[in-house]
PDB file of all heavy atoms in Angstrom:
ATOM      1  N   ALA A   1      81.473 179.321  90.608  1.00  0.00           N
ATOM      2  CA  ALA A   1      82.186 180.543  90.985  1.00  0.00           C
ATOM      3  C   ALA A   1      83.531 180.646  90.283  1.00  0.00           C
ATOM      4  O   ALA A   1      83.960 181.737  89.889  1.00  0.00           O
ATOM      5  CB  ALA A   1      82.363 180.592  92.497  1.00  0.00           C
ATOM      6  N   HIS A   2      84.199 179.523  90.099  1.00  0.00           N
ATOM      7  CA  HIS A   2      85.488 179.523  89.406  1.00  0.00           C
ATOM      8  C   HIS A   2      85.310 179.961  87.949  1.00  0.00           C
ATOM      9  O   HIS A   2      86.072 180.796  87.444  1.00  0.00           O
ATOM     10  CB  HIS A   2      86.116 178.136  89.472  1.00  0.00           C
ATOM     11  CG  HIS A   2      87.396 178.013  88.699  1.00  0.00           C
ATOM     12  ND1 HIS A   2      88.594 178.547  89.129  1.00  0.00           N
ATOM     13  CD2 HIS A   2      87.653 177.427  87.490  1.00  0.00           C
ATOM     14  CE1 HIS A   2      89.544 178.289  88.248  1.00  0.00           C
ATOM     15  NE2 HIS A   2      88.993 177.609  87.250  1.00  0.00           N
ATOM     16  N   ASP A   3      84.298 179.396  87.278  1.00  0.00           N
ATOM     17  CA  ASP A   3      84.021 179.786  85.890  1.00  0.00           C
ATOM     18  C   ASP A   3      83.708 181.274  85.807  1.00  0.00           C
ATOM     19  O   ASP A   3      84.206 181.988  84.921  1.00  0.00           O
ATOM     20  CB  ASP A   3      82.836 178.995  85.335  1.00  0.00           C
ATOM     21  CG  ASP A   3      83.077 177.502  85.320  1.00  0.00           C
ATOM     22  OD1 ASP A   3      84.218 177.082  85.066  1.00  0.00           O
ATOM     23  OD2 ASP A   3      82.110 176.748  85.580  1.00  0.00           O
ATOM     24  N   LEU A   4      82.859 181.733  86.708  1.00  0.00           N
ATOM     25  CA  LEU A   4      82.442 183.125  86.704  1.00  0.00           C
ATOM     26  C   LEU A   4      83.643 184.054  86.859  1.00  0.00           C
ATOM     27  O   LEU A   4      83.787 185.028  86.109  1.00  0.00           O
ATOM     28  CB  LEU A   4      81.434 183.364  87.824  1.00  0.00           C
ATOM     29  CG  LEU A   4      80.958 184.803  88.038  1.00  0.00           C
ATOM     30  CD1 LEU A   4      80.257 185.342  86.807  1.00  0.00           C
ATOM     31  CD2 LEU A   4      80.027 184.865  89.266  1.00  0.00           C
ATOM     32  N   ALA A   5      84.508 183.761  87.822  1.00  0.00           N
ATOM     33  CA  ALA A   5      85.673 184.614  88.050  1.00  0.00           C
ATOM     34  C   ALA A   5      86.595 184.623  86.835  1.00  0.00           C
ATOM     35  O   ALA A   5      87.103 185.682  86.424  1.00  0.00           O
ATOM     36  CB  ALA A   5      86.434 184.134  89.287  1.00  0.00           C
ATOM     37  N   GLU A   6      86.828 183.451  86.244  1.00  0.00           N
ATOM     38  CA  GLU A   6      87.700 183.391  85.076  1.00  0.00           C
ATOM     39  C   GLU A   6      87.109 184.146  83.898  1.00  0.00           C
ATOM     40  O   GLU A   6      87.823 184.834  83.160  1.00  0.00           O
ATOM     41  CB  GLU A   6      87.958 181.931  84.689  1.00  0.00           C
ATOM     42  CG  GLU A   6      88.950 181.222  85.582  1.00  0.00           C
ATOM     43  CD  GLU A   6      89.606 180.047  84.881  1.00  0.00           C
ATOM     44  OE1 GLU A   6      89.073 179.586  83.849  1.00  0.00           O
ATOM     45  OE2 GLU A   6      90.664 179.602  85.370  1.00  0.00           O
ATOM     46  N   ASN A   7      85.806 184.038  83.709  1.00  0.00           N
ATOM     47  CA  ASN A   7      85.176 184.715  82.580  1.00  0.00           C
ATOM     48  C   ASN A   7      85.226 186.229  82.743  1.00  0.00           C
ATOM     49  O   ASN A   7      85.449 186.958  81.767  1.00  0.00           O
ATOM     50  CB  ASN A   7      83.738 184.226  82.409  1.00  0.00           C
ATOM     51  CG  ASN A   7      83.680 182.821  81.860  1.00  0.00           C
ATOM     52  OD1 ASN A   7      84.555 182.411  81.100  1.00  0.00           O
ATOM     53  ND2 ASN A   7      82.669 182.055  82.249  1.00  0.00           N
ATOM     54  N   VAL A   8      85.024 186.729  83.948  1.00  0.00           N
ATOM     55  CA  VAL A   8      85.147 188.171  84.175  1.00  0.00           C
ATOM     56  C   VAL A   8      86.551 188.637  83.810  1.00  0.00           C
ATOM     57  O   VAL A   8      86.739 189.676  83.158  1.00  0.00           O
ATOM     58  CB  VAL A   8      84.826 188.532  85.638  1.00  0.00           C
ATOM     59  CG1 VAL A   8      85.191 189.981  85.928  1.00  0.00           C
ATOM     60  CG2 VAL A   8      83.352 188.298  85.936  1.00  0.00           C
ATOM     61  N   GLN A   9      87.556 187.881  84.222  1.00  0.00           N
ATOM     62  CA  GLN A   9      88.934 188.286  83.943  1.00  0.00           C
ATOM     63  C   GLN A   9      89.214 188.322  82.445  1.00  0.00           C
ATOM     64  O   GLN A   9      89.828 189.260  81.941  1.00  0.00           O
ATOM     65  CB  GLN A   9      89.900 187.329  84.649  1.00  0.00           C
ATOM     66  CG  GLN A   9      89.844 187.429  86.169  1.00  0.00           C
ATOM     67  CD  GLN A   9      90.570 186.290  86.849  1.00  0.00           C
ATOM     68  OE1 GLN A   9      91.769 186.099  86.632  1.00  0.00           O
ATOM     69  NE2 GLN A   9      89.857 185.518  87.660  1.00  0.00           N
ATOM     70  N   ARG A  10      88.763 187.295  81.715  1.00  0.00           N
ATOM     71  CA  ARG A  10      89.005 187.259  80.275  1.00  0.00           C
ATOM     72  C   ARG A  10      88.257 188.369  79.545  1.00  0.00           C
ATOM     73  O   ARG A  10      88.749 188.940  78.574  1.00  0.00           O
ATOM     74  CB  ARG A  10      88.554 185.909  79.697  1.00  0.00           C
ATOM     75  CG  ARG A  10      89.346 184.707  80.182  1.00  0.00           C
ATOM     76  CD  ARG A  10      88.951 183.473  79.383  1.00  0.00           C
ATOM     77  NE  ARG A  10      89.472 182.259  79.994  1.00  0.00           N
ATOM     78  CZ  ARG A  10      88.745 181.416  80.717  1.00  0.00           C
ATOM     79  NH1 ARG A  10      87.451 181.668  80.916  1.00  0.00           N
ATOM     80  NH2 ARG A  10      89.279 180.329  81.233  1.00  0.00           N
ATOM     81  N   ILE A  11      87.050 188.661  79.997  1.00  0.00           N
ATOM     82  CA  ILE A  11      86.174 189.556  79.239  1.00  0.00           C
ATOM     83  C   ILE A  11      86.387 191.021  79.607  1.00  0.00           C
ATOM     84  O   ILE A  11      86.262 191.909  78.754  1.00  0.00           O
ATOM     85  CB  ILE A  11      84.703 189.119  79.432  1.00  0.00           C
ATOM     86  CG1 ILE A  11      84.496 187.766  78.743  1.00  0.00           C
ATOM     87  CG2 ILE A  11      83.732 190.144  78.880  1.00  0.00           C
ATOM     88  CD1 ILE A  11      83.170 187.105  79.047  1.00  0.00           C
ATOM     89  N   ALA A  12      86.731 191.309  80.849  1.00  0.00           N
ATOM     90  CA  ALA A  12      86.885 192.705  81.273  1.00  0.00           C
ATOM     91  C   ALA A  12      88.314 193.227  81.158  1.00  0.00           C
ATOM     92  O   ALA A  12      88.512 194.444  81.154  1.00  0.00           O
ATOM     93  CB  ALA A  12      86.407 192.868  82.720  1.00  0.00           C
ATOM     94  N   PHE A  13      89.295 192.343  81.033  1.00  0.00           N
ATOM     95  CA  PHE A  13      90.683 192.797  81.071  1.00  0.00           C
ATOM     96  C   PHE A  13      91.446 192.605  79.766  1.00  0.00           C
ATOM     97  O   PHE A  13      92.628 192.936  79.690  1.00  0.00           O
ATOM     98  CB  PHE A  13      91.444 192.092  82.206  1.00  0.00           C
ATOM     99  CG  PHE A  13      91.104 192.615  83.570  1.00  0.00           C
ATOM    100  CD1 PHE A  13      90.026 192.094  84.282  1.00  0.00           C
ATOM    101  CD2 PHE A  13      91.831 193.644  84.137  1.00  0.00           C
ATOM    102  CE1 PHE A  13      89.693 192.587  85.535  1.00  0.00           C
ATOM    103  CE2 PHE A  13      91.509 194.143  85.387  1.00  0.00           C
ATOM    104  CZ  PHE A  13      90.447 193.612  86.092  1.00  0.00           C
ATOM    105  N   PHE A  14      90.788 192.085  78.743  1.00  0.00           N
ATOM    106  CA  PHE A  14      91.461 191.892  77.467  1.00  0.00           C
ATOM    107  C   PHE A  14      90.629 192.529  76.366  1.00  0.00           C
ATOM    108  O   PHE A  14      89.416 192.332  76.300  1.00  0.00           O
ATOM    109  CB  PHE A  14      91.666 190.402  77.181  1.00  0.00           C
ATOM    110  CG  PHE A  14      92.677 189.747  78.080  1.00  0.00           C
ATOM    111  CD1 PHE A  14      92.307 189.254  79.326  1.00  0.00           C
ATOM    112  CD2 PHE A  14      93.999 189.637  77.679  1.00  0.00           C
ATOM    113  CE1 PHE A  14      93.227 188.664  80.160  1.00  0.00           C
ATOM    114  CE2 PHE A  14      94.944 189.042  78.502  1.00  0.00           C
ATOM    115  CZ  PHE A  14      94.561 188.559  79.745  1.00  0.00           C
ATOM    116  N   ASP A  15      91.279 193.287  75.502  1.00  0.00           N
ATOM    117  CA  ASP A  15      90.595 193.907  74.377  1.00  0.00           C
ATOM    118  C   ASP A  15      90.250 192.841  73.340  1.00  0.00           C
ATOM    119  O   ASP A  15      91.035 191.921  73.090  1.00  0.00           O
ATOM    120  CB  ASP A  15      91.475 194.974  73.719  1.00  0.00           C
ATOM    121  CG  ASP A  15      91.724 196.155  74.631  1.00  0.00           C
ATOM    122  OD1 ASP A  15      90.871 196.427  75.483  1.00  0.00           O
ATOM    123  OD2 ASP A  15      92.787 196.793  74.489  1.00  0.00           O
ATOM    124  N   GLU A  16      89.113 192.998  72.710  1.00  0.00           N
ATOM    125  CA  GLU A  16      88.707 192.041  71.684  1.00  0.00           C
ATOM    126  C   GLU A  16      89.501 192.234  70.398  1.00  0.00           C
ATOM    127  O   GLU A  16      89.799 191.278  69.684  1.00  0.00           O
ATOM    128  CB  GLU A  16      87.201 192.172  71.393  1.00  0.00           C
ATOM    129  CG  GLU A  16      86.667 191.116  70.453  1.00  0.00           C
ATOM    130  CD  GLU A  16      85.158 191.191  70.295  1.00  0.00           C
ATOM    131  OE1 GLU A  16      84.528 192.087  70.863  1.00  0.00           O
ATOM    132  OE2 GLU A  16      84.610 190.317  69.594  1.00  0.00           O
ATOM    133  N   PHE A  17      89.872 193.481  70.107  1.00  0.00           N
ATOM    134  CA  PHE A  17      90.571 193.786  68.869  1.00  0.00           C
ATOM    135  C   PHE A  17      91.741 194.717  69.133  1.00  0.00           C
ATOM    136  O   PHE A  17      91.760 195.447  70.126  1.00  0.00           O
ATOM    137  CB  PHE A  17      89.615 194.431  67.844  1.00  0.00           C
ATOM    138  CG  PHE A  17      88.607 193.463  67.290  1.00  0.00           C
ATOM    139  CD1 PHE A  17      87.412 193.250  67.952  1.00  0.00           C
ATOM    140  CD2 PHE A  17      88.862 192.751  66.135  1.00  0.00           C
ATOM    141  CE1 PHE A  17      86.487 192.346  67.473  1.00  0.00           C
ATOM    142  CE2 PHE A  17      87.943 191.840  65.647  1.00  0.00           C
ATOM    143  CZ  PHE A  17      86.752 191.645  66.308  1.00  0.00           C
ATOM    144  N   ALA A  18      92.709 194.677  68.233  1.00  0.00           N
ATOM    145  CA  ALA A  18      93.853 195.579  68.270  1.00  0.00           C
ATOM    146  C   ALA A  18      93.963 196.262  66.918  1.00  0.00           C
ATOM    147  O   ALA A  18      93.428 195.796  65.909  1.00  0.00           O
ATOM    148  CB  ALA A  18      95.129 194.815  68.590  1.00  0.00           C
ATOM    149  N   GLN A  19      94.665 197.378  66.898  1.00  0.00           N
ATOM    150  CA  GLN A  19      94.846 198.150  65.681  1.00  0.00           C
ATOM    151  C   GLN A  19      96.170 197.774  65.034  1.00  0.00           C
ATOM    152  O   GLN A  19      97.202 197.722  65.693  1.00  0.00           O
ATOM    153  CB  GLN A  19      94.853 199.642  66.040  1.00  0.00           C
ATOM    154  CG  GLN A  19      94.325 200.533  64.952  1.00  0.00           C
ATOM    155  CD  GLN A  19      94.004 201.914  65.473  1.00  0.00           C
ATOM    156  OE1 GLN A  19      92.938 202.421  65.258  1.00  0.00           O
ATOM    157  NE2 GLN A  19      94.931 202.533  66.168  1.00  0.00           N
ATOM    158  N   GLN A  20      96.135 197.464  63.745  1.00  0.00           N
ATOM    159  CA  GLN A  20      97.361 197.095  63.046  1.00  0.00           C
ATOM    160  C   GLN A  20      97.244 197.525  61.587  1.00  0.00           C
ATOM    161  O   GLN A  20      96.342 197.108  60.876  1.00  0.00           O
ATOM    162  CB  GLN A  20      97.606 195.590  63.132  1.00  0.00           C
ATOM    163  CG  GLN A  20      98.934 195.133  62.539  1.00  0.00           C
ATOM    164  CD  GLN A  20      99.128 193.648  62.682  1.00  0.00           C
ATOM    165  OE1 GLN A  20      98.774 192.862  61.817  1.00  0.00           O
ATOM    166  NE2 GLN A  20      99.705 193.244  63.805  1.00  0.00           N
ATOM    167  N   GLY A  21      98.180 198.370  61.169  1.00  0.00           N
ATOM    168  CA  GLY A  21      98.203 198.802  59.783  1.00  0.00           C
ATOM    169  C   GLY A  21      96.940 199.482  59.319  1.00  0.00           C
ATOM    170  O   GLY A  21      96.512 199.303  58.178  1.00  0.00           O
ATOM    171  N   GLY A  22      96.310 200.247  60.193  1.00  0.00           N
ATOM    172  CA  GLY A  22      95.092 200.955  59.825  1.00  0.00           C
ATOM    173  C   GLY A  22      93.836 200.107  59.853  1.00  0.00           C
ATOM    174  O   GLY A  22      92.770 200.567  59.452  1.00  0.00           O
ATOM    175  N   SER A  23      93.958 198.867  60.335  1.00  0.00           N
ATOM    176  CA  SER A  23      92.803 197.982  60.417  1.00  0.00           C
ATOM    177  C   SER A  23      92.690 197.425  61.828  1.00  0.00           C
ATOM    178  O   SER A  23      93.630 197.493  62.620  1.00  0.00           O
ATOM    179  CB  SER A  23      92.934 196.820  59.420  1.00  0.00           C
ATOM    180  OG  SER A  23      93.011 197.306  58.094  1.00  0.00           O
ATOM    181  N   LEU A  24      91.520 196.865  62.138  1.00  0.00           N
ATOM    182  CA  LEU A  24      91.303 196.213  63.410  1.00  0.00           C
ATOM    183  C   LEU A  24      91.453 194.707  63.222  1.00  0.00           C
ATOM    184  O   LEU A  24      90.849 194.128  62.317  1.00  0.00           O
ATOM    185  CB  LEU A  24      89.903 196.523  63.950  1.00  0.00           C
ATOM    186  CG  LEU A  24      89.592 198.002  64.201  1.00  0.00           C
ATOM    187  CD1 LEU A  24      88.218 198.142  64.824  1.00  0.00           C
ATOM    188  CD2 LEU A  24      90.640 198.663  65.073  1.00  0.00           C
ATOM    189  N   ILE A  25      92.275 194.083  64.081  1.00  0.00           N
ATOM    190  CA  ILE A  25      92.480 192.647  63.998  1.00  0.00           C
ATOM    191  C   ILE A  25      92.114 192.014  65.335  1.00  0.00           C
ATOM    192  O   ILE A  25      92.180 192.652  66.382  1.00  0.00           O
ATOM    193  CB  ILE A  25      93.936 192.298  63.636  1.00  0.00           C
ATOM    194  CG1 ILE A  25      94.897 192.821  64.710  1.00  0.00           C
ATOM    195  CG2 ILE A  25      94.291 192.851  62.267  1.00  0.00           C
ATOM    196  CD1 ILE A  25      96.319 192.326  64.547  1.00  0.00           C
ATOM    197  N   ALA A  26      91.717 190.744  65.303  1.00  0.00           N
ATOM    198  CA  ALA A  26      91.323 190.039  66.527  1.00  0.00           C
ATOM    199  C   ALA A  26      92.528 189.816  67.423  1.00  0.00           C
ATOM    200  O   ALA A  26      93.656 189.652  66.959  1.00  0.00           O
ATOM    201  CB  ALA A  26      90.671 188.706  66.169  1.00  0.00           C
ATOM    202  N   GLY A  27      92.282 189.815  68.732  1.00  0.00           N
ATOM    203  CA  GLY A  27      93.337 189.479  69.675  1.00  0.00           C
ATOM    204  C   GLY A  27      93.993 190.673  70.322  1.00  0.00           C
ATOM    205  O   GLY A  27      95.159 190.958  70.065  1.00  0.00           O
ATOM    206  N   GLY A  28      93.255 191.393  71.146  1.00  0.00           N
ATOM    207  CA  GLY A  28      93.816 192.535  71.841  1.00  0.00           C
ATOM    208  C   GLY A  28      94.635 192.121  73.059  1.00  0.00           C
ATOM    209  O   GLY A  28      94.585 190.981  73.514  1.00  0.00           O
ATOM    210  N   ALA A  29      95.382 193.069  73.592  1.00  0.00           N
ATOM    211  CA  ALA A  29      96.276 192.796  74.709  1.00  0.00           C
ATOM    212  C   ALA A  29      95.559 192.934  76.046  1.00  0.00           C
ATOM    213  O   ALA A  29      94.456 193.464  76.128  1.00  0.00           O
ATOM    214  CB  ALA A  29      97.463 193.761  74.659  1.00  0.00           C
ATOM    215  N   GLU A  30      96.226 192.443  77.086  1.00  0.00           N
ATOM    216  CA  GLU A  30      95.716 192.635  78.436  1.00  0.00           C
ATOM    217  C   GLU A  30      95.771 194.104  78.806  1.00  0.00           C
ATOM    218  O   GLU A  30      96.720 194.813  78.474  1.00  0.00           O
ATOM    219  CB  GLU A  30      96.545 191.824  79.432  1.00  0.00           C
ATOM    220  CG  GLU A  30      96.097 191.970  80.875  1.00  0.00           C
ATOM    221  CD  GLU A  30      96.946 191.172  81.846  1.00  0.00           C
ATOM    222  OE1 GLU A  30      97.485 190.122  81.444  1.00  0.00           O
ATOM    223  OE2 GLU A  30      97.071 191.601  83.017  1.00  0.00           O
ATOM    224  N   GLY A  31      94.755 194.572  79.482  1.00  0.00           N
ATOM    225  CA  GLY A  31      94.707 195.973  79.873  1.00  0.00           C
ATOM    226  C   GLY A  31      94.233 196.134  81.301  1.00  0.00           C
ATOM    227  O   GLY A  31      94.153 195.160  82.064  1.00  0.00           O
ATOM    228  N   ARG A  32      93.923 197.360  81.648  1.00  0.00           N
ATOM    229  CA  ARG A  32      93.398 197.660  82.978  1.00  0.00           C
ATOM    230  C   ARG A  32      91.876 197.583  82.965  1.00  0.00           C
ATOM    231  O   ARG A  32      91.250 197.563  81.915  1.00  0.00           O
ATOM    232  CB  ARG A  32      93.834 199.066  83.394  1.00  0.00           C
ATOM    233  CG  ARG A  32      95.337 199.278  83.446  1.00  0.00           C
ATOM    234  CD  ARG A  32      95.652 200.728  83.754  1.00  0.00           C
ATOM    235  NE  ARG A  32      95.178 201.629  82.693  1.00  0.00           N
ATOM    236  CZ  ARG A  32      94.908 202.928  82.871  1.00  0.00           C
ATOM    237  NH1 ARG A  32      95.030 203.463  84.079  1.00  0.00           N
ATOM    238  NH2 ARG A  32      94.492 203.672  81.867  1.00  0.00           N
ATOM    239  N   LEU A  33      91.309 197.562  84.145  1.00  0.00           N
ATOM    240  CA  LEU A  33      89.860 197.570  84.258  1.00  0.00           C
ATOM    241  C   LEU A  33      89.332 198.960  83.906  1.00  0.00           C
ATOM    242  O   LEU A  33      89.811 199.968  84.433  1.00  0.00           O
ATOM    243  CB  LEU A  33      89.434 197.179  85.673  1.00  0.00           C
ATOM    244  CG  LEU A  33      87.929 197.018  85.921  1.00  0.00           C
ATOM    245  CD1 LEU A  33      87.684 195.897  86.923  1.00  0.00           C
ATOM    246  CD2 LEU A  33      87.298 198.300  86.436  1.00  0.00           C
ATOM    247  N   HIS A  34      88.366 199.002  83.022  1.00  0.00           N
ATOM    248  CA  HIS A  34      87.702 200.244  82.633  1.00  0.00           C
ATOM    249  C   HIS A  34      86.205 200.105  82.898  1.00  0.00           C
ATOM    250  O   HIS A  34      85.620 199.037  82.680  1.00  0.00           O
ATOM    251  CB  HIS A  34      87.914 200.544  81.147  1.00  0.00           C
ATOM    252  CG  HIS A  34      89.283 201.046  80.814  1.00  0.00           C
ATOM    253  ND1 HIS A  34      90.398 200.239  80.827  1.00  0.00           N
ATOM    254  CD2 HIS A  34      89.709 202.291  80.462  1.00  0.00           C
ATOM    255  CE1 HIS A  34      91.457 200.946  80.487  1.00  0.00           C
ATOM    256  NE2 HIS A  34      91.073 202.189  80.265  1.00  0.00           N
ATOM    257  N   ARG A  35      85.598 201.164  83.359  1.00  0.00           N
ATOM    258  CA  ARG A  35      84.149 201.185  83.537  1.00  0.00           C
ATOM    259  C   ARG A  35      83.698 202.636  83.684  1.00  0.00           C
ATOM    260  O   ARG A  35      84.510 203.547  83.738  1.00  0.00           O
ATOM    261  CB  ARG A  35      83.727 200.342  84.751  1.00  0.00           C
ATOM    262  CG  ARG A  35      84.081 200.941  86.093  1.00  0.00           C
ATOM    263  CD  ARG A  35      83.730 200.028  87.246  1.00  0.00           C
ATOM    264  NE  ARG A  35      83.931 200.699  88.532  1.00  0.00           N
ATOM    265  CZ  ARG A  35      84.002 200.065  89.693  1.00  0.00           C
ATOM    266  NH1 ARG A  35      83.899 198.740  89.743  1.00  0.00           N
ATOM    267  NH2 ARG A  35      84.164 200.749  90.821  1.00  0.00           N
ATOM    268  N   TRP A  36      82.384 202.823  83.751  1.00  0.00           N
ATOM    269  CA  TRP A  36      81.805 204.144  83.935  1.00  0.00           C
ATOM    270  C   TRP A  36      81.753 204.479  85.419  1.00  0.00           C
ATOM    271  O   TRP A  36      81.469 203.623  86.248  1.00  0.00           O
ATOM    272  CB  TRP A  36      80.394 204.196  83.367  1.00  0.00           C
ATOM    273  CG  TRP A  36      80.332 204.083  81.878  1.00  0.00           C
ATOM    274  CD1 TRP A  36      80.456 202.940  81.145  1.00  0.00           C
ATOM    275  CD2 TRP A  36      80.131 205.141  80.953  1.00  0.00           C
ATOM    276  NE1 TRP A  36      80.342 203.231  79.812  1.00  0.00           N
ATOM    277  CE2 TRP A  36      80.146 204.572  79.661  1.00  0.00           C
ATOM    278  CE3 TRP A  36      79.931 206.510  81.081  1.00  0.00           C
ATOM    279  CZ2 TRP A  36      79.966 205.323  78.509  1.00  0.00           C
ATOM    280  CZ3 TRP A  36      79.753 207.265  79.939  1.00  0.00           C
ATOM    281  CH2 TRP A  36      79.770 206.682  78.668  1.00  0.00           C
ATOM    282  N   GLN A  37      81.996 205.725  85.726  1.00  0.00           N
ATOM    283  CA  GLN A  37      81.815 206.236  87.075  1.00  0.00           C
ATOM    284  C   GLN A  37      80.673 207.254  87.128  1.00  0.00           C
ATOM    285  O   GLN A  37      80.075 207.464  88.171  1.00  0.00           O
ATOM    286  CB  GLN A  37      83.106 206.886  87.584  1.00  0.00           C
ATOM    287  CG  GLN A  37      84.281 205.920  87.735  1.00  0.00           C
ATOM    288  CD  GLN A  37      84.108 204.928  88.864  1.00  0.00           C
ATOM    289  OE1 GLN A  37      83.569 203.839  88.673  1.00  0.00           O
ATOM    290  NE2 GLN A  37      84.549 205.295  90.059  1.00  0.00           N
ATOM    291  N   SER A  38      80.405 207.884  86.002  1.00  0.00           N
ATOM    292  CA  SER A  38      79.381 208.931  85.930  1.00  0.00           C
ATOM    293  C   SER A  38      78.101 208.370  85.326  1.00  0.00           C
ATOM    294  O   SER A  38      78.110 207.318  84.672  1.00  0.00           O
ATOM    295  CB  SER A  38      79.889 210.095  85.083  1.00  0.00           C
ATOM    296  OG  SER A  38      80.285 209.635  83.801  1.00  0.00           O
ATOM    297  N   PRO A  39      76.966 209.043  85.506  1.00  0.00           N
ATOM    298  CA  PRO A  39      75.708 208.576  84.927  1.00  0.00           C
ATOM    299  C   PRO A  39      75.775 208.496  83.402  1.00  0.00           C
ATOM    300  O   PRO A  39      76.455 209.285  82.750  1.00  0.00           O
ATOM    301  CB  PRO A  39      74.706 209.640  85.382  1.00  0.00           C
ATOM    302  CG  PRO A  39      75.309 210.240  86.608  1.00  0.00           C
ATOM    303  CD  PRO A  39      76.790 210.237  86.370  1.00  0.00           C
ATOM    304  N   LEU A  40      75.046 207.526  82.855  1.00  0.00           N
ATOM    305  CA  LEU A  40      74.971 207.361  81.406  1.00  0.00           C
ATOM    306  C   LEU A  40      73.728 208.071  80.874  1.00  0.00           C
ATOM    307  O   LEU A  40      72.624 207.886  81.386  1.00  0.00           O
ATOM    308  CB  LEU A  40      74.904 205.884  81.027  1.00  0.00           C
ATOM    309  CG  LEU A  40      76.233 205.188  80.763  1.00  0.00           C
ATOM    310  CD1 LEU A  40      76.970 204.960  82.063  1.00  0.00           C
ATOM    311  CD2 LEU A  40      76.008 203.867  80.045  1.00  0.00           C
ATOM    312  N   ARG A  41      73.930 208.833  79.832  1.00  0.00           N
ATOM    313  CA  ARG A  41      72.839 209.484  79.110  1.00  0.00           C
ATOM    314  C   ARG A  41      72.830 208.893  77.700  1.00  0.00           C
ATOM    315  O   ARG A  41      73.654 209.253  76.869  1.00  0.00           O
ATOM    316  CB  ARG A  41      73.044 211.001  79.081  1.00  0.00           C
ATOM    317  CG  ARG A  41      73.220 211.626  80.450  1.00  0.00           C
ATOM    318  CD  ARG A  41      73.426 213.132  80.364  1.00  0.00           C
ATOM    319  NE  ARG A  41      74.554 213.498  79.518  1.00  0.00           N
ATOM    320  CZ  ARG A  41      75.830 213.528  79.933  1.00  0.00           C
ATOM    321  NH1 ARG A  41      76.138 213.214  81.184  1.00  0.00           N
ATOM    322  NH2 ARG A  41      76.800 213.857  79.089  1.00  0.00           N
ATOM    323  N   LEU A  42      71.917 207.976  77.468  1.00  0.00           N
ATOM    324  CA  LEU A  42      71.940 207.191  76.235  1.00  0.00           C
ATOM    325  C   LEU A  42      70.871 207.683  75.273  1.00  0.00           C
ATOM    326  O   LEU A  42      69.731 207.924  75.674  1.00  0.00           O
ATOM    327  CB  LEU A  42      71.726 205.717  76.568  1.00  0.00           C
ATOM    328  CG  LEU A  42      71.877 204.716  75.439  1.00  0.00           C
ATOM    329  CD1 LEU A  42      72.518 203.421  75.968  1.00  0.00           C
ATOM    330  CD2 LEU A  42      70.529 204.397  74.787  1.00  0.00           C
ATOM    331  N   SER A  43      71.254 207.813  74.013  1.00  0.00           N
ATOM    332  CA  SER A  43      70.284 208.201  72.984  1.00  0.00           C
ATOM    333  C   SER A  43      70.315 207.196  71.843  1.00  0.00           C
ATOM    334  O   SER A  43      71.370 206.658  71.502  1.00  0.00           O
ATOM    335  CB  SER A  43      70.583 209.603  72.439  1.00  0.00           C
ATOM    336  OG  SER A  43      71.752 209.596  71.642  1.00  0.00           O
ATOM    337  N   LEU A  44      69.148 206.929  71.279  1.00  0.00           N
ATOM    338  CA  LEU A  44      69.043 206.149  70.055  1.00  0.00           C
ATOM    339  C   LEU A  44      68.805 207.119  68.906  1.00  0.00           C
ATOM    340  O   LEU A  44      67.886 207.949  68.970  1.00  0.00           O
ATOM    341  CB  LEU A  44      67.883 205.156  70.132  1.00  0.00           C
ATOM    342  CG  LEU A  44      68.223 203.752  70.635  1.00  0.00           C
ATOM    343  CD1 LEU A  44      68.622 203.800  72.090  1.00  0.00           C
ATOM    344  CD2 LEU A  44      67.050 202.805  70.417  1.00  0.00           C
ATOM    345  N   GLU A  45      69.631 207.028  67.879  1.00  0.00           N
ATOM    346  CA  GLU A  45      69.494 207.891  66.713  1.00  0.00           C
ATOM    347  C   GLU A  45      69.231 207.016  65.497  1.00  0.00           C
ATOM    348  O   GLU A  45      70.087 206.227  65.086  1.00  0.00           O
ATOM    349  CB  GLU A  45      70.747 208.750  66.531  1.00  0.00           C
ATOM    350  CG  GLU A  45      71.015 209.656  67.718  1.00  0.00           C
ATOM    351  CD  GLU A  45      72.223 210.559  67.518  1.00  0.00           C
ATOM    352  OE1 GLU A  45      72.741 210.603  66.386  1.00  0.00           O
ATOM    353  OE2 GLU A  45      72.639 211.206  68.494  1.00  0.00           O
ATOM    354  N   PHE A  46      68.045 207.148  64.942  1.00  0.00           N
ATOM    355  CA  PHE A  46      67.626 206.310  63.834  1.00  0.00           C
ATOM    356  C   PHE A  46      67.863 207.001  62.498  1.00  0.00           C
ATOM    357  O   PHE A  46      67.641 208.201  62.358  1.00  0.00           O
ATOM    358  CB  PHE A  46      66.139 205.975  63.961  1.00  0.00           C
ATOM    359  CG  PHE A  46      65.787 205.191  65.193  1.00  0.00           C
ATOM    360  CD1 PHE A  46      65.292 205.834  66.313  1.00  0.00           C
ATOM    361  CD2 PHE A  46      65.967 203.820  65.228  1.00  0.00           C
ATOM    362  CE1 PHE A  46      64.973 205.114  67.456  1.00  0.00           C
ATOM    363  CE2 PHE A  46      65.643 203.093  66.360  1.00  0.00           C
ATOM    364  CZ  PHE A  46      65.153 203.736  67.471  1.00  0.00           C
TER     365      PHE A  46
END
C-alpha cells in the first residue's frame, strides 16, 4: 500500500516533460490532479 500510494503521487501529480526554448525536456514540475469528468469519445484514425 505504501508503494502504491507513493507511485500514484509521483505519476499523477508531476508532469513528465516541461517546455523550454521551444522544445520539450524531461522533468516537469509538480502540478494539480487532472482527470476526465465527462464521457470519453475515442476514435482511431489510421
